[in-house]
Amino acid sequence: MGMNKSQIKTLVSSSPQLLFCRVDENLKPKIKVLQGLGLSVSQLATVMTRSNFLTRGLDTIIQPNLVYLRDLLPTHHHVAMILIKEPWLLSYNLPKVMPPNISLLQNFGFSTPHILKAFHRHPRFLLNSPEWFERAVHRLVKDFHMPLSSGMFLHGVQVLVFLDESKLERKLDIFRSFGWSDSDICRMVQKLPYCLASSEAKIRTTLKFFMNELGYEPNYLASRAPLLKFSLDKRIVPRNEILKFLKENQLLKGRLCLYTAVSFSESDFQKKCVLPFREKMPEIYDLYMKSRS
């Protein structure tokens, strides 16, 4: 199968019962159905080591799942790609779990193409219970005042279906402890729901940096929510140091705020803010390049 020793160790460690399976009668037929999707040897090895589908029944789980996905998605290639991204899909009872959630979203006005696009982004989000789905939808509408027509709405559903009430409230309380109002929080969620997907530690550390060290206000951050998702150590702090040096030494032409600076791609940021000044800030340049490695 082209699996290396590390992959075999991972597979056997997670599913030791495979050592007692009959290869020709049990394992090979399961592998063969995936080969029929056009997966390469390396892709097949990835699917096998990142899920326990080989322990599932071929006729009761694997085949029905593949039939369901083939009917749901446009081509076999799309089925293969979604399984490579989320191999654990093969371990669920998809024909039972997914249709209620798809129907619920359709009842709220979402088209099948939009739902499938969200499914490709985060395949597991359709595997939650319909009750969690409905709770997520209602909370986005009622508590965060996000219109169903918002392009961020399904992104918000993808975040909230994985957060229980207590975990969500703890995260919201962190924002409130830094002086955020409910309207500030709503604005942030409407802009970028994924801010609520960050860990509590990251939320607290990020807010400390922006609000305590840089003096940013809640309404400013809420309107520029992507700032809260970028990595502090790898992106925000290093770029802020570069920007601070350039401003202190009046090397910048025009105005450039941190939000714009961290929004640049790495190549654009280096081209505009780093490489032209590397001889004037050798120590900061070295520190910046180390942060990128």
Foldseek 3Di string as FASTA:
>chain_A
DPDDPVLVVLLCVVPVCVVVDDCVPQQVVLLVVLVVLVDDPVLSSLLRNQEPLSVDDVVQQQVQLLVVVCVLDDHSPLVSLLCSVPSHSSVDRCVVQQPVLVVVVVVVPDDSVLVVVLCSVPVCLSRAHVVLLVVQLCCLCPQLVADPPQPCRSVSSSQRSPDDPVLLVLQVVLCVVLPDDSNLVSLQCSVPVCLSVDHSVLQNVLCCCCCVVVNDDSNVCSPLVVSSVDDVQQAQVLQVVLVVVCVVVVVDDDDDDSSNLSPDDPVVNCVRGNVVCCVVPVVSNVVNVVSND
